Each structure stands twice: as C-alpha cells, then as structure tokens.
N, C-alpha and C. Protein backbone atom coordinates (compact mmCIF):
# COMPACT_ATOMS: atom_id res chain seq x y z
N UNK A 1 24.80 -58.27 6.38
CA UNK A 1 25.83 -57.29 6.14
C UNK A 1 26.81 -57.85 5.12
N UNK A 2 27.20 -57.02 4.18
CA UNK A 2 28.13 -57.44 3.12
C UNK A 2 29.46 -56.71 3.31
N UNK A 3 30.54 -57.48 3.26
CA UNK A 3 31.90 -56.96 3.43
C UNK A 3 32.76 -57.37 2.25
N UNK A 4 33.82 -56.61 2.04
CA UNK A 4 34.78 -56.90 0.98
C UNK A 4 36.06 -57.41 1.62
N UNK A 5 36.65 -58.44 1.02
CA UNK A 5 37.88 -58.98 1.56
C UNK A 5 38.69 -59.73 0.52
N UNK A 6 39.84 -60.24 0.94
CA UNK A 6 40.74 -60.99 0.06
C UNK A 6 40.96 -62.36 0.67
N UNK A 7 40.84 -63.38 -0.15
CA UNK A 7 41.04 -64.75 0.32
C UNK A 7 42.53 -64.99 0.55
N UNK A 8 42.87 -65.47 1.76
CA UNK A 8 44.27 -65.78 2.07
C UNK A 8 44.57 -67.26 1.90
N UNK A 9 43.56 -68.12 2.15
CA UNK A 9 43.75 -69.56 1.94
C UNK A 9 42.39 -70.23 1.83
N UNK A 10 42.40 -71.43 1.24
CA UNK A 10 41.18 -72.22 1.12
C UNK A 10 41.41 -73.58 1.75
N UNK A 11 40.29 -74.16 2.23
CA UNK A 11 40.35 -75.48 2.85
C UNK A 11 39.00 -76.16 2.61
N UNK A 12 38.92 -76.94 1.54
CA UNK A 12 37.67 -77.61 1.20
C UNK A 12 36.59 -76.62 0.85
N UNK A 13 35.46 -76.69 1.56
CA UNK A 13 34.33 -75.80 1.30
C UNK A 13 34.46 -74.45 1.99
N UNK A 14 35.55 -74.24 2.72
CA UNK A 14 35.73 -72.99 3.46
C UNK A 14 36.96 -72.25 2.97
N UNK A 15 36.94 -70.93 3.18
CA UNK A 15 38.07 -70.08 2.84
C UNK A 15 38.32 -69.10 3.98
N UNK A 16 39.57 -68.71 4.13
CA UNK A 16 39.91 -67.67 5.11
C UNK A 16 40.00 -66.35 4.35
N UNK A 17 39.23 -65.37 4.81
CA UNK A 17 39.16 -64.08 4.14
C UNK A 17 39.69 -63.00 5.07
N UNK A 18 40.59 -62.17 4.54
CA UNK A 18 41.13 -61.03 5.29
C UNK A 18 40.24 -59.83 4.99
N UNK A 19 39.70 -59.24 6.07
CA UNK A 19 38.81 -58.08 5.94
C UNK A 19 39.47 -56.90 6.64
N UNK A 20 39.64 -55.81 5.90
CA UNK A 20 40.22 -54.60 6.48
C UNK A 20 39.17 -53.84 7.28
N UNK A 21 39.61 -53.22 8.36
CA UNK A 21 38.73 -52.44 9.23
C UNK A 21 38.30 -51.16 8.50
N UNK A 22 37.02 -50.82 8.61
CA UNK A 22 36.54 -49.56 8.04
C UNK A 22 35.80 -48.76 9.09
N UNK A 23 35.27 -47.61 8.73
CA UNK A 23 34.62 -46.70 9.68
C UNK A 23 33.40 -47.34 10.36
N UNK A 24 32.66 -48.16 9.64
CA UNK A 24 31.44 -48.75 10.18
C UNK A 24 31.71 -49.84 11.22
N UNK A 25 32.92 -50.35 11.27
CA UNK A 25 33.24 -51.46 12.17
C UNK A 25 33.08 -51.08 13.64
N UNK A 26 33.32 -49.82 13.97
CA UNK A 26 33.21 -49.43 15.38
C UNK A 26 31.75 -49.42 15.83
N UNK A 27 30.79 -49.32 14.90
CA UNK A 27 29.37 -49.28 15.25
C UNK A 27 28.72 -50.67 15.27
N UNK A 28 29.20 -51.57 14.45
CA UNK A 28 28.53 -52.86 14.26
C UNK A 28 28.84 -53.86 15.37
N UNK A 29 30.10 -54.16 15.58
CA UNK A 29 30.49 -55.14 16.58
C UNK A 29 30.42 -56.58 16.10
N UNK A 30 30.02 -56.82 14.87
CA UNK A 30 29.87 -58.19 14.35
C UNK A 30 31.22 -58.92 14.31
N UNK A 31 32.26 -58.25 13.88
CA UNK A 31 33.57 -58.89 13.73
C UNK A 31 34.41 -58.80 14.99
N UNK A 32 34.00 -57.97 15.94
CA UNK A 32 34.72 -57.79 17.19
C UNK A 32 36.16 -57.33 16.95
N UNK A 33 36.31 -56.26 16.15
CA UNK A 33 37.63 -55.70 15.90
C UNK A 33 38.22 -55.15 17.19
N UNK A 34 39.41 -55.58 17.60
CA UNK A 34 40.09 -54.94 18.72
C UNK A 34 40.51 -53.51 18.32
N UNK A 35 40.77 -52.69 19.28
CA UNK A 35 41.11 -51.28 19.03
C UNK A 35 42.35 -51.12 18.15
N UNK A 36 43.39 -51.91 18.39
CA UNK A 36 44.67 -51.70 17.72
C UNK A 36 44.90 -52.60 16.51
N UNK A 37 43.85 -53.19 15.96
CA UNK A 37 43.98 -54.10 14.83
C UNK A 37 43.32 -53.47 13.59
N UNK A 38 43.98 -53.60 12.44
CA UNK A 38 43.46 -53.00 11.21
C UNK A 38 42.74 -53.99 10.30
N UNK A 39 42.84 -55.28 10.62
CA UNK A 39 42.14 -56.29 9.82
C UNK A 39 41.86 -57.51 10.69
N UNK A 40 40.92 -58.35 10.21
CA UNK A 40 40.67 -59.65 10.83
C UNK A 40 40.61 -60.68 9.73
N UNK A 41 40.73 -61.94 10.12
CA UNK A 41 40.57 -63.04 9.18
C UNK A 41 39.40 -63.89 9.65
N UNK A 42 38.46 -64.13 8.75
CA UNK A 42 37.28 -64.93 9.05
C UNK A 42 37.28 -66.19 8.20
N UNK A 43 36.79 -67.28 8.77
CA UNK A 43 36.56 -68.49 8.02
C UNK A 43 35.13 -68.42 7.49
N UNK A 44 34.98 -68.50 6.17
CA UNK A 44 33.67 -68.34 5.54
C UNK A 44 33.42 -69.50 4.58
N UNK A 45 32.15 -69.73 4.29
CA UNK A 45 31.76 -70.76 3.34
C UNK A 45 32.12 -70.29 1.93
N UNK A 46 32.88 -71.11 1.21
CA UNK A 46 33.33 -70.77 -0.14
C UNK A 46 32.31 -71.29 -1.15
N UNK A 47 31.25 -70.54 -1.35
CA UNK A 47 30.15 -70.98 -2.21
C UNK A 47 30.43 -70.84 -3.70
N UNK A 48 31.45 -70.06 -4.07
CA UNK A 48 31.72 -69.85 -5.49
C UNK A 48 33.05 -70.44 -5.94
N UNK A 49 33.66 -71.25 -5.06
CA UNK A 49 34.93 -71.90 -5.37
C UNK A 49 36.03 -70.89 -5.69
N UNK A 50 36.13 -69.84 -4.91
CA UNK A 50 37.14 -68.81 -5.10
C UNK A 50 38.51 -69.34 -4.67
N UNK A 51 39.55 -68.73 -5.17
CA UNK A 51 40.93 -69.16 -4.91
C UNK A 51 41.67 -68.09 -4.10
N UNK A 52 42.82 -68.45 -3.50
CA UNK A 52 43.61 -67.46 -2.77
C UNK A 52 43.96 -66.25 -3.64
N UNK A 53 44.00 -65.10 -3.02
CA UNK A 53 44.26 -63.79 -3.63
C UNK A 53 43.08 -63.23 -4.43
N UNK A 54 41.95 -63.95 -4.49
CA UNK A 54 40.75 -63.40 -5.11
C UNK A 54 40.13 -62.37 -4.18
N UNK A 55 39.69 -61.26 -4.77
CA UNK A 55 38.97 -60.25 -4.00
C UNK A 55 37.49 -60.62 -4.09
N UNK A 56 36.83 -60.71 -2.92
CA UNK A 56 35.46 -61.23 -2.88
C UNK A 56 34.56 -60.37 -1.99
N UNK A 57 33.26 -60.55 -2.18
CA UNK A 57 32.27 -59.99 -1.28
C UNK A 57 31.75 -61.14 -0.42
N UNK A 58 31.68 -60.91 0.88
CA UNK A 58 31.12 -61.92 1.77
C UNK A 58 29.89 -61.35 2.45
N UNK A 59 28.96 -62.24 2.72
CA UNK A 59 27.73 -61.85 3.40
C UNK A 59 27.73 -62.50 4.78
N UNK A 60 27.60 -61.65 5.80
CA UNK A 60 27.55 -62.15 7.18
C UNK A 60 26.11 -62.19 7.62
N UNK A 61 25.73 -63.30 8.19
CA UNK A 61 24.35 -63.49 8.62
C UNK A 61 24.16 -62.99 10.04
N UNK A 62 23.29 -62.02 10.22
CA UNK A 62 22.99 -61.48 11.55
C UNK A 62 22.34 -62.53 12.44
N UNK A 63 21.58 -63.46 11.86
CA UNK A 63 20.91 -64.49 12.65
C UNK A 63 21.92 -65.38 13.37
N UNK A 64 23.06 -65.61 12.77
CA UNK A 64 24.10 -66.40 13.41
C UNK A 64 24.59 -65.75 14.68
N UNK A 65 24.73 -64.44 14.66
CA UNK A 65 25.17 -63.71 15.85
C UNK A 65 24.12 -63.80 16.95
N UNK A 66 22.87 -63.62 16.59
CA UNK A 66 21.80 -63.68 17.59
C UNK A 66 21.65 -65.09 18.16
N UNK A 67 21.75 -66.09 17.30
CA UNK A 67 21.65 -67.46 17.77
C UNK A 67 22.81 -67.80 18.71
N UNK A 68 24.01 -67.34 18.38
CA UNK A 68 25.16 -67.57 19.25
C UNK A 68 24.97 -66.94 20.62
N UNK A 69 24.50 -65.71 20.63
CA UNK A 69 24.24 -65.05 21.91
C UNK A 69 23.22 -65.81 22.73
N UNK A 70 22.18 -66.30 22.08
CA UNK A 70 21.15 -67.07 22.77
C UNK A 70 21.74 -68.34 23.37
N UNK A 71 22.51 -69.08 22.57
CA UNK A 71 23.05 -70.37 23.02
C UNK A 71 24.12 -70.21 24.10
N UNK A 72 24.90 -69.15 24.03
CA UNK A 72 26.01 -68.98 24.96
C UNK A 72 25.57 -68.32 26.27
N UNK A 73 24.61 -67.40 26.21
CA UNK A 73 24.25 -66.65 27.42
C UNK A 73 22.88 -67.01 28.00
N UNK A 74 21.87 -67.09 27.15
CA UNK A 74 20.52 -67.29 27.66
C UNK A 74 20.30 -68.71 28.19
N UNK A 75 20.75 -69.70 27.46
CA UNK A 75 20.53 -71.09 27.88
C UNK A 75 21.20 -71.39 29.23
N UNK A 76 22.47 -70.98 29.46
CA UNK A 76 23.04 -71.22 30.79
C UNK A 76 22.26 -70.52 31.91
N UNK A 77 21.77 -69.30 31.65
CA UNK A 77 20.95 -68.63 32.67
C UNK A 77 19.67 -69.41 32.93
N UNK A 78 19.09 -69.93 31.88
CA UNK A 78 17.89 -70.75 32.02
C UNK A 78 18.19 -72.02 32.83
N UNK A 79 19.33 -72.62 32.58
CA UNK A 79 19.72 -73.83 33.33
C UNK A 79 19.96 -73.52 34.81
N UNK A 80 20.56 -72.38 35.10
CA UNK A 80 20.75 -71.99 36.49
C UNK A 80 19.40 -71.79 37.17
N UNK A 81 18.49 -71.11 36.49
CA UNK A 81 17.15 -70.90 37.05
C UNK A 81 16.42 -72.22 37.26
N UNK A 82 16.52 -73.11 36.29
CA UNK A 82 15.88 -74.43 36.39
C UNK A 82 16.45 -75.23 37.56
N UNK A 83 17.77 -75.23 37.70
CA UNK A 83 18.38 -75.99 38.80
C UNK A 83 18.04 -75.37 40.15
N UNK A 84 17.91 -74.05 40.20
CA UNK A 84 17.53 -73.39 41.46
C UNK A 84 16.10 -73.76 41.86
N UNK A 85 15.18 -73.67 40.91
CA UNK A 85 13.79 -74.02 41.21
C UNK A 85 13.68 -75.49 41.58
N UNK A 86 14.33 -76.34 40.81
CA UNK A 86 14.32 -77.77 41.11
C UNK A 86 14.93 -78.03 42.48
N UNK A 87 16.03 -77.35 42.76
CA UNK A 87 16.71 -77.54 44.03
C UNK A 87 15.89 -77.06 45.22
N UNK A 88 15.20 -75.95 45.08
CA UNK A 88 14.41 -75.42 46.18
C UNK A 88 13.24 -76.33 46.55
N UNK A 89 12.65 -76.95 45.53
CA UNK A 89 11.46 -77.78 45.79
C UNK A 89 11.79 -79.25 46.02
N UNK A 90 12.91 -79.73 45.49
CA UNK A 90 13.22 -81.15 45.59
C UNK A 90 14.43 -81.40 46.49
N UNK A 91 15.54 -80.73 46.22
CA UNK A 91 16.79 -81.03 46.92
C UNK A 91 16.87 -80.33 48.28
N UNK A 92 16.55 -79.06 48.33
CA UNK A 92 16.53 -78.24 49.55
C UNK A 92 17.88 -78.16 50.26
N UNK A 93 18.96 -78.20 49.49
CA UNK A 93 20.30 -78.07 50.04
C UNK A 93 21.07 -77.13 49.12
N UNK A 94 21.54 -76.01 49.65
CA UNK A 94 22.17 -74.98 48.82
C UNK A 94 23.42 -75.48 48.11
N UNK A 95 24.23 -76.25 48.76
CA UNK A 95 25.44 -76.78 48.13
C UNK A 95 25.07 -77.71 46.97
N UNK A 96 24.07 -78.53 47.15
CA UNK A 96 23.63 -79.43 46.09
C UNK A 96 23.06 -78.64 44.91
N UNK A 97 22.36 -77.55 45.19
CA UNK A 97 21.83 -76.70 44.12
C UNK A 97 22.98 -76.08 43.32
N UNK A 98 24.00 -75.61 44.03
CA UNK A 98 25.17 -75.04 43.36
C UNK A 98 25.86 -76.09 42.49
N UNK A 99 26.07 -77.27 43.04
CA UNK A 99 26.72 -78.34 42.27
C UNK A 99 25.88 -78.75 41.06
N UNK A 100 24.57 -78.79 41.23
CA UNK A 100 23.69 -79.12 40.11
C UNK A 100 23.79 -78.06 39.02
N UNK A 101 23.81 -76.79 39.42
CA UNK A 101 23.94 -75.69 38.44
C UNK A 101 25.25 -75.79 37.67
N UNK A 102 26.34 -76.00 38.37
CA UNK A 102 27.64 -76.11 37.72
C UNK A 102 27.66 -77.32 36.79
N UNK A 103 27.13 -78.44 37.25
CA UNK A 103 27.08 -79.65 36.42
C UNK A 103 26.28 -79.40 35.13
N UNK A 104 25.11 -78.78 35.26
CA UNK A 104 24.28 -78.52 34.07
C UNK A 104 24.96 -77.57 33.09
N UNK A 105 25.64 -76.57 33.60
CA UNK A 105 26.32 -75.62 32.71
C UNK A 105 27.49 -76.30 32.00
N UNK A 106 28.26 -77.08 32.73
CA UNK A 106 29.38 -77.81 32.10
C UNK A 106 28.85 -78.76 31.02
N UNK A 107 27.79 -79.48 31.34
CA UNK A 107 27.20 -80.40 30.36
C UNK A 107 26.68 -79.62 29.14
N UNK A 108 26.09 -78.44 29.38
CA UNK A 108 25.57 -77.63 28.27
C UNK A 108 26.70 -77.23 27.33
N UNK A 109 27.85 -76.85 27.86
CA UNK A 109 28.94 -76.43 26.98
C UNK A 109 29.53 -77.61 26.20
N UNK A 110 29.45 -78.82 26.74
CA UNK A 110 29.82 -79.99 25.94
C UNK A 110 28.81 -80.18 24.80
N UNK A 111 27.54 -80.07 25.11
CA UNK A 111 26.50 -80.18 24.08
C UNK A 111 26.66 -79.05 23.06
N UNK A 112 26.98 -77.86 23.55
CA UNK A 112 27.14 -76.71 22.66
C UNK A 112 28.27 -76.90 21.66
N UNK A 113 29.32 -77.60 22.04
CA UNK A 113 30.41 -77.85 21.09
C UNK A 113 29.92 -78.70 19.92
N UNK A 114 29.04 -79.65 20.18
CA UNK A 114 28.46 -80.45 19.09
C UNK A 114 27.49 -79.63 18.25
N UNK A 115 26.71 -78.80 18.90
CA UNK A 115 25.78 -77.91 18.17
C UNK A 115 26.56 -76.98 17.26
N UNK A 116 27.67 -76.43 17.77
CA UNK A 116 28.49 -75.51 16.99
C UNK A 116 29.05 -76.18 15.74
N UNK A 117 29.49 -77.42 15.88
CA UNK A 117 30.03 -78.14 14.72
C UNK A 117 28.94 -78.34 13.66
N UNK A 118 27.73 -78.64 14.09
CA UNK A 118 26.62 -78.84 13.15
C UNK A 118 26.24 -77.52 12.48
N UNK A 119 26.11 -76.46 13.28
CA UNK A 119 25.67 -75.18 12.74
C UNK A 119 26.72 -74.52 11.86
N UNK A 120 28.00 -74.73 12.16
CA UNK A 120 29.05 -74.09 11.37
C UNK A 120 29.11 -74.64 9.95
N UNK A 121 28.52 -75.80 9.72
CA UNK A 121 28.50 -76.39 8.38
C UNK A 121 27.30 -75.94 7.57
N UNK A 122 26.37 -75.25 8.20
CA UNK A 122 25.19 -74.79 7.48
C UNK A 122 25.46 -73.42 6.86
N UNK A 123 25.03 -73.27 5.63
CA UNK A 123 25.27 -72.02 4.90
C UNK A 123 24.58 -70.84 5.55
N UNK A 124 23.38 -71.02 6.09
CA UNK A 124 22.64 -69.88 6.63
C UNK A 124 23.15 -69.45 8.00
N UNK A 125 24.08 -70.17 8.58
CA UNK A 125 24.62 -69.81 9.89
C UNK A 125 25.96 -69.08 9.76
N UNK A 126 26.79 -69.52 8.86
CA UNK A 126 28.12 -68.92 8.71
C UNK A 126 28.11 -67.86 7.62
N UNK A 127 29.14 -67.02 7.65
CA UNK A 127 29.33 -66.06 6.57
C UNK A 127 29.67 -66.83 5.30
N UNK A 128 29.31 -66.26 4.15
CA UNK A 128 29.58 -66.96 2.89
C UNK A 128 30.04 -65.98 1.83
N UNK A 129 30.84 -66.49 0.90
CA UNK A 129 31.28 -65.70 -0.23
C UNK A 129 30.15 -65.65 -1.24
N UNK A 130 29.80 -64.45 -1.69
CA UNK A 130 28.69 -64.34 -2.63
C UNK A 130 29.12 -63.92 -4.03
N UNK A 131 30.35 -63.32 -4.15
CA UNK A 131 30.74 -62.81 -5.47
C UNK A 131 32.21 -62.47 -5.51
N UNK A 132 32.85 -62.75 -6.66
CA UNK A 132 34.22 -62.27 -6.90
C UNK A 132 34.13 -60.85 -7.45
N UNK A 133 35.09 -60.04 -7.06
CA UNK A 133 35.11 -58.67 -7.63
C UNK A 133 36.47 -58.36 -8.23
C-alpha cells in the first residue's frame, strides 16, 4: 500500500512521517487510526535521504503486518498448546502446566523484543519512503 505524507523529523536512516487520514483508512486497518484522530505519525525507513517538510510517498509492506500478527498471537497460542500437551503427558499437575505456560509466554515476549529490533532494521519489514513529490 502506498501513502502520501510529510516528514516531520529525521533520525539516521529513519524518518517520522505524518499521514493524514483518508476515506480508505476505515477499510484497511493497517495504520490503526483511532476514531477521533485525523492523522498518525509513522517511523519509516528513509531510503531516499529526504529532509523534514518534504512531501513523500511511503510504501507499507503488508507482509510486516501478517508477520507481526503471527509472532504476537499465533506463537503464544502454540506455546500454550505445547506446554499443555507436555504437561499432560510428563508433568500431570495442572498448576505446573499453568506455570509452564506463563513462563513460556513471558520468555517468548522477551525473545520477541529482540526479533522486533532485528526485523525493524530490515527494509522489507518496515514502511519505506519511495519518492519525493
């Protein structure tokens, strides 16, 4: 998806872009516009070395959204299922199964913070500026 916005600030290889809400925003859900907000600011990869106040086109990668949903929702469910199966056959104590599930989910979110840092630096994961207009 390609959006139009204005750069508000730059920081190394990244820029903050202000994107105004349009009619299509209510259908997409990519930016998660709240009901009472007319714009959002996104941190995007500054691939063309644009400067503040430049009007730019940014490209948002749909794969990043799908990957995020997978990592945040599916993996914890998988860990709960794994700990339940492991607990039923090995531990056989409901409280221990619950504690194992909580432990695995907490550990996953620590691992996820490192994964997020790695993925946010990749061009194909984050939104990027593709053109000045």
